[in-house]
Protein backbone atom coordinates (compact mmCIF):
# COMPACT_ATOMS: atom_id res chain seq x y z
CA UNK A 1 92.30 97.14 134.46
CA UNK A 2 95.16 99.58 135.08
CA UNK A 3 97.72 96.89 134.20
CA UNK A 4 96.22 96.46 130.71
CA UNK A 5 95.73 100.08 129.64
CA UNK A 6 98.52 101.54 127.53
CA UNK A 7 99.47 104.85 129.17
CA UNK A 8 100.82 106.10 125.85
CA UNK A 9 97.55 105.37 124.03
CA UNK A 10 95.59 108.25 122.55
CA UNK A 11 92.56 106.92 124.42
CA UNK A 12 94.19 106.32 127.82
CA UNK A 13 91.84 108.64 129.74
CA UNK A 14 88.80 107.38 127.87
CA UNK A 15 89.72 103.73 128.47
CA UNK A 16 90.04 104.38 132.20
CA UNK A 17 86.76 106.31 132.37
CA UNK A 18 84.86 103.45 130.70
CA UNK A 19 85.65 101.40 133.81
CA UNK A 20 85.65 104.04 136.56
CA UNK A 21 82.39 105.69 135.48
CA UNK A 22 80.55 102.38 135.75
CA UNK A 23 80.10 103.12 139.46
CA UNK A 24 78.19 106.30 138.61
CA UNK A 25 76.02 104.49 136.09
CA UNK A 26 75.13 101.98 138.80
CA UNK A 27 74.19 104.83 141.13
CA UNK A 28 71.99 106.38 138.44
CA UNK A 29 69.99 103.15 138.26
CA UNK A 30 70.04 102.17 141.93
CA UNK A 31 68.87 105.39 143.58
CA UNK A 32 65.52 105.83 141.80
CA UNK A 33 64.97 102.06 141.83
CA UNK A 34 65.57 102.02 145.59
CA UNK A 35 62.97 104.74 146.03
CA UNK A 36 60.39 102.73 144.09
CA UNK A 37 61.23 99.47 145.87
CA UNK A 38 60.96 101.09 149.30
CA UNK A 39 57.39 102.14 148.53
CA UNK A 40 56.12 99.37 146.27
CA UNK A 41 58.54 96.49 146.81
CA UNK A 42 57.90 93.10 148.39
CA UNK A 43 58.68 92.03 152.00
CA UNK A 44 57.46 95.32 153.38
CA UNK A 45 59.16 97.65 150.92
CA UNK A 46 62.65 98.60 152.02
CA UNK A 47 63.90 95.00 152.63
CA UNK A 48 63.29 94.30 148.93
CA UNK A 49 66.11 96.73 148.10
CA UNK A 50 68.63 94.39 149.72
CA UNK A 51 67.15 91.28 148.10
CA UNK A 52 67.13 92.80 144.60
CA UNK A 53 70.64 94.24 144.68
CA UNK A 54 71.99 91.17 146.46
CA UNK A 55 70.64 89.00 143.63
CA UNK A 56 72.15 91.34 141.03
CA UNK A 57 75.51 91.08 142.82
CA UNK A 58 75.39 87.27 142.72
CA UNK A 59 74.61 87.24 138.98
CA UNK A 60 77.43 89.71 138.32
CA UNK A 61 79.83 87.66 140.43
CA UNK A 62 79.11 84.48 138.48
CA UNK A 63 79.57 86.32 135.16
CA UNK A 64 82.84 87.82 136.41
CA UNK A 65 84.33 84.49 137.45
CA UNK A 66 83.36 82.92 134.12
CA UNK A 67 84.72 85.66 131.86
CA UNK A 68 87.69 87.27 133.65
CA UNK A 69 91.16 85.72 133.56
CA UNK A 70 94.38 86.26 135.50
CA UNK A 71 96.37 87.86 132.68
CA UNK A 72 96.59 88.13 128.88
CA UNK A 73 98.74 84.99 128.77
CA UNK A 74 95.90 82.93 130.28
CA UNK A 75 93.02 84.38 128.26
CA UNK A 76 91.64 81.68 125.93
CA UNK A 77 90.13 83.82 123.19
CA UNK A 78 92.25 86.91 122.50
CA UNK A 79 94.51 86.88 119.47
CA UNK A 80 98.28 86.60 119.70
CA UNK A 81 98.56 90.13 118.27
CA UNK A 82 96.33 91.56 121.02
CA UNK A 83 98.20 89.57 123.66
CA UNK A 84 101.53 90.90 122.40
CA UNK A 85 100.21 94.46 122.31
CA UNK A 86 98.97 94.36 125.91
CA UNK A 87 102.15 92.77 127.28
CA UNK A 88 104.48 95.08 125.34
CA UNK A 89 102.43 98.14 126.39
CA UNK A 90 103.03 97.32 130.05
CA UNK A 91 106.53 95.86 129.91
CA UNK A 92 108.07 97.66 126.94
CA UNK A 93 110.37 96.31 124.27
CA UNK A 94 112.41 94.39 126.83
CA UNK A 95 109.59 91.89 127.06
CA UNK A 96 108.09 90.20 130.07
CA UNK A 97 110.01 90.33 133.32
CA UNK A 98 109.24 90.15 137.01
CA UNK A 99 111.06 93.10 138.54
CA UNK A 100 111.10 93.60 142.26
CA UNK A 101 108.62 96.18 143.48
CA UNK A 102 110.65 99.26 144.49
CA UNK A 103 108.87 99.76 147.80
CA UNK A 104 111.36 102.25 149.20
CA UNK A 105 111.33 104.39 146.07
CA UNK A 106 107.53 104.37 145.99
CA UNK A 107 107.36 105.42 149.63
CA UNK A 108 109.71 108.33 148.87
CA UNK A 109 107.90 109.35 145.68
CA UNK A 110 106.29 112.79 145.97
CA UNK A 111 104.03 112.26 142.90
CA UNK A 112 102.73 109.05 144.49
CA UNK A 113 101.90 110.88 147.70
CA UNK A 114 100.18 113.60 145.68
CA UNK A 115 97.92 110.98 144.09
CA UNK A 116 97.24 109.38 147.46
CA UNK A 117 96.22 112.67 149.07
CA UNK A 118 94.00 113.61 146.12
CA UNK A 119 92.38 110.16 146.26
CA UNK A 120 91.69 110.46 149.99
CA UNK A 121 90.15 113.90 149.56
CA UNK A 122 88.04 112.65 146.67
CA UNK A 123 86.62 109.74 148.62
CA UNK A 124 85.83 111.89 151.64
CA UNK A 125 83.90 114.42 149.57
CA UNK A 126 82.26 111.84 147.33
CA UNK A 127 81.13 109.63 150.23
CA UNK A 128 79.66 112.66 151.98
CA UNK A 129 77.42 113.23 148.99
CA UNK A 130 76.84 109.58 148.17
CA UNK A 131 75.66 108.59 151.66
CA UNK A 132 74.14 111.84 152.93
CA UNK A 133 72.52 113.47 149.89
CA UNK A 134 69.22 111.55 150.17
CA UNK A 135 69.02 112.43 153.88
CA UNK A 136 69.73 116.09 153.13
CA UNK A 137 67.03 116.17 150.46
CA UNK A 138 64.54 114.67 152.91
CA UNK A 139 65.40 116.71 156.00
CA UNK A 140 66.12 120.11 154.48
CA UNK A 141 64.53 120.14 151.02
CA UNK A 142 61.55 118.00 152.18
CA UNK A 143 61.32 115.75 149.13
CA UNK A 144 59.20 112.58 149.38
CA UNK A 145 60.96 109.25 149.05
CA UNK A 146 60.09 108.59 145.38
CA UNK A 147 61.11 112.08 144.27
CA UNK A 148 64.14 111.87 146.58
CA UNK A 149 65.46 108.75 144.82
CA UNK A 150 65.13 110.28 141.36
CA UNK A 151 66.64 113.64 142.29
CA UNK A 152 69.45 112.01 144.28
CA UNK A 153 70.44 110.16 141.10
CA UNK A 154 70.49 113.33 138.98
CA UNK A 155 73.95 114.53 140.16
CA UNK A 156 75.46 111.14 139.30
CA UNK A 157 73.95 111.22 135.84
CA UNK A 158 75.73 114.56 135.40
CA UNK A 159 78.94 113.03 136.77
CA UNK A 160 78.77 110.09 134.38
CA UNK A 161 78.21 112.35 131.37
CA UNK A 162 80.90 114.87 132.33
CA UNK A 163 83.46 112.16 133.11
CA UNK A 164 83.21 111.02 129.50
CA UNK A 165 83.47 114.60 128.20
CA UNK A 166 86.47 115.31 130.45
CA UNK A 167 88.27 112.16 129.28
CA UNK A 168 87.97 113.24 125.64
CA UNK A 169 89.26 116.71 126.55
CA UNK A 170 92.17 115.26 128.57
CA UNK A 171 93.29 112.99 125.74
CA UNK A 172 93.02 115.87 123.27
CA UNK A 173 95.08 118.14 125.55
CA UNK A 174 97.88 115.59 125.74
CA UNK A 175 98.04 114.31 122.19
CA UNK A 176 97.52 117.68 120.55
CA UNK A 177 100.84 118.47 122.32
CA UNK A 178 99.43 121.74 123.62
CA UNK A 179 99.87 120.38 127.16
CA UNK A 180 102.10 117.69 128.62
CA UNK A 181 100.79 114.89 130.83
CA UNK A 182 101.51 116.76 134.05
CA UNK A 183 99.72 119.93 132.98
CA UNK A 184 96.71 118.06 131.62
CA UNK A 185 96.26 115.92 134.73
CA UNK A 186 96.54 118.92 137.06
CA UNK A 187 94.12 121.09 135.07
CA UNK A 188 91.50 118.37 134.70
CA UNK A 189 91.86 117.28 138.33
CA UNK A 190 91.49 120.88 139.53
CA UNK A 191 88.16 121.12 137.70
CA UNK A 192 87.13 117.82 139.28
CA UNK A 193 87.87 118.85 142.88
CA UNK A 194 87.72 122.65 143.09
CA UNK A 195 84.42 122.61 141.17
CA UNK A 196 82.54 120.45 143.70
CA UNK A 197 84.08 122.38 146.58
CA UNK A 198 82.73 125.70 145.31
CA UNK A 199 79.32 124.21 144.57
CA UNK A 200 79.10 122.68 148.06
CA UNK A 201 79.90 126.05 149.62
CA UNK A 202 77.18 127.71 147.55
CA UNK A 203 74.68 124.91 148.27
CA UNK A 204 75.24 125.23 152.00
CA UNK A 205 73.76 128.75 151.83
CA UNK A 206 71.00 128.12 149.28
CA UNK A 207 68.79 125.50 150.93
CA UNK A 208 65.94 128.03 151.12
CA UNK A 209 65.63 127.49 147.36
CA UNK A 210 65.24 123.76 146.66
CA UNK A 211 65.61 124.05 142.87
CA UNK A 212 68.79 126.12 143.14
CA UNK A 213 70.27 123.72 145.70
CA UNK A 214 69.58 120.68 143.51
CA UNK A 215 71.10 122.52 140.53
CA UNK A 216 74.25 123.39 142.49
CA UNK A 217 74.69 119.85 143.77
CA UNK A 218 74.12 118.46 140.29
CA UNK A 219 76.74 120.75 138.78
CA UNK A 220 79.19 120.07 141.62
CA UNK A 221 78.93 116.29 141.45
CA UNK A 222 78.98 116.47 137.65
CA UNK A 223 82.26 118.38 137.63
CA UNK A 224 83.65 115.79 140.05
CA UNK A 225 83.65 113.33 137.15
CA UNK A 226 86.79 115.02 135.84
CA UNK A 227 88.91 113.31 138.52
CA UNK A 228 88.77 110.07 136.53
CA UNK A 229 90.98 111.75 133.94
CA UNK A 230 92.97 113.50 136.66
CA UNK A 231 94.58 111.72 139.60
CA UNK A 232 92.73 108.43 139.06
CA UNK A 233 94.50 107.62 135.80
CA UNK A 234 97.73 109.29 136.96
CA UNK A 235 98.99 106.00 138.44
CA UNK A 236 99.55 104.85 134.85
CA UNK A 237 101.50 107.98 133.96
CA UNK A 238 104.05 107.70 136.74
CA UNK A 239 104.39 103.90 136.75
CA UNK A 240 102.82 101.79 133.98
CA UNK A 241 104.25 98.54 135.36
CA UNK A 242 103.30 99.10 139.01
CA UNK A 243 100.05 101.05 138.46
CA UNK A 244 97.94 98.25 139.93
CA UNK A 245 100.04 98.18 143.10
CA UNK A 246 99.89 101.97 143.46
CA UNK A 247 96.12 101.93 142.95
CA UNK A 248 95.68 99.23 145.59
CA UNK A 249 97.40 101.42 148.17
CA UNK A 250 95.72 104.72 147.29
CA UNK A 251 92.30 103.08 146.96
CA UNK A 252 92.61 101.30 150.30
CA UNK A 253 93.60 104.41 152.25
CA UNK A 254 91.10 106.55 150.34
CA UNK A 255 88.29 104.20 151.35
CA UNK A 256 89.37 104.53 154.96
CA UNK A 257 89.10 108.31 154.57
CA UNK A 258 85.72 107.83 152.91
CA UNK A 259 84.47 105.94 155.96
CA UNK A 260 85.01 109.07 158.04
CA UNK A 261 82.59 111.09 155.92
CA UNK A 262 79.26 109.57 157.05
CA UNK A 263 80.57 109.26 160.60
CA UNK A 264 81.42 112.95 160.68
CA UNK A 265 78.12 113.94 159.08
CA UNK A 266 76.16 111.74 161.49
CA UNK A 267 77.94 113.27 164.48
CA UNK A 268 77.20 116.82 163.31
CA UNK A 269 73.52 116.40 162.38
CA UNK A 270 72.61 113.98 165.20
CA UNK A 271 69.61 115.42 167.09
CA UNK A 272 69.87 118.67 165.10
CA UNK A 273 68.99 118.13 161.43
CA UNK A 274 69.07 121.85 160.69
CA UNK A 275 70.32 123.94 157.79
CA UNK A 276 73.17 125.22 159.97
CA UNK A 277 74.30 121.68 160.81
CA UNK A 278 74.24 120.63 157.15
CA UNK A 279 76.22 123.75 156.28
CA UNK A 280 78.97 122.49 158.58
CA UNK A 281 78.94 119.10 156.81
CA UNK A 282 79.22 120.72 153.37
CA UNK A 283 81.89 123.20 154.40
CA UNK A 284 84.07 120.47 155.89
CA UNK A 285 83.84 118.48 152.67
CA UNK A 286 84.64 121.60 150.66
CA UNK A 287 87.71 122.25 152.76
CA UNK A 288 88.93 118.68 152.29
CA UNK A 289 88.46 118.97 148.52
CA UNK A 290 90.35 122.28 148.34
CA UNK A 291 93.30 121.19 150.48
CA UNK A 292 93.79 117.87 148.71
CA UNK A 293 93.36 119.37 145.22
CA UNK A 294 95.89 122.09 146.05
CA UNK A 295 98.49 119.58 147.24
CA UNK A 296 98.00 117.55 144.07
CA UNK A 297 98.35 120.67 141.93
CA UNK A 298 101.62 121.50 143.67
CA UNK A 299 103.20 118.04 143.86
CA UNK A 300 101.61 115.90 141.17
CA UNK A 301 103.42 114.70 138.04
CA UNK A 302 102.54 113.01 134.78
CA UNK A 303 106.09 111.84 134.09
CA UNK A 304 107.14 108.20 134.35
CA UNK A 305 109.26 107.88 137.46
CA UNK A 306 112.87 106.72 137.41
CA UNK A 307 112.09 103.77 139.70
CA UNK A 308 109.87 102.32 136.95
CA UNK A 309 112.48 102.33 134.20
CA UNK A 310 112.85 98.84 132.64
CA UNK A 311 116.41 99.72 131.62
CA UNK A 312 117.47 99.77 135.28
CA UNK A 313 116.04 96.33 136.12
CA UNK A 314 118.40 93.56 137.03
CA UNK A 315 118.46 91.20 134.06
CA UNK A 316 117.27 87.71 135.04
CA UNK A 317 118.83 84.55 133.57
CA UNK A 318 117.60 83.66 130.09
CA UNK A 319 114.37 81.66 130.22
CA UNK A 320 112.55 79.55 127.75
CA UNK A 321 109.07 80.43 126.58
CA UNK A 322 107.25 78.34 129.17
CA UNK A 323 109.18 79.93 132.05
CA UNK A 324 108.40 83.40 130.72
CA UNK A 325 104.72 82.50 130.58
CA UNK A 326 104.84 81.31 134.19
CA UNK A 327 106.42 84.59 135.33
CA UNK A 328 103.59 86.59 133.80
CA UNK A 329 100.94 84.43 135.45
CA UNK A 330 102.70 84.65 138.81
CA UNK A 331 102.85 88.44 138.55
CA UNK A 332 99.15 88.86 137.81
CA UNK A 333 97.89 86.25 140.27
CA UNK A 334 97.12 87.90 143.65
CA UNK A 335 98.77 86.44 146.71
CA UNK A 336 96.59 84.51 149.12
């Protein structure tokens, strides 16, 4: 997806959010449905959750393999104008080429590391809420399983809605020329990470009031949707041609960080599911959010980096049209 979004487009943030926010929409549907299936489903209730979502995954997988293609050059139905627009948006006026990935320059790039750190902090905080929120609502707020599923989905509905709003604001900030890319990304990302941190701190002290706690968590997770127009689309700003490669690295390491969240929460609340223990879980997540957001605000950039300048590429020998087509396909096809 990142390889086919034009970073100079007036709808860059919105185009990215259409894809990224799909995860939240899935959560909105799955959490209340899981609550209903666990109580009324077949095979004893809770096993039906795995059967239903497993079947949905198979159907989606078949549809994906039938409709998705390696690259614009291989797509059978798009027009030549659309194909040219996508390729030129990524590769520029120089046309298609297969430049070497500047691994050393990427490893030394401070803006890349800023995105990576922000991504790791995001996944840690998000996975804490994603995996532990239903347990918190059951243990501390004492919601039954049906109500738990519905209320657990409410924050993600807020996140989905606000992510769309934030993307419109981000694109307006940039293309109204009141803010440059760097300023817009940092401001929007700060809302998306400082906001949840403050709400988690407040929620850790408000569990005596269930309605207030749910409201705080809903607002916090909702504000978190701004990150889609912050660091998550920032890969495209700093390197349109290598955005997919950058995303693969930050997403991989961020998921590793995300794995630590439920492990840490489980260790803290094991054998003591108390308000004090949950406060520790929330405060740790808040601290991670604040540190990572601060580092991004200090070191992030929305400027295309010098190591992704097509003008500095070594010019390959002149190729005919068929060879150029092959180079595009080879670039987009993942290695085995």
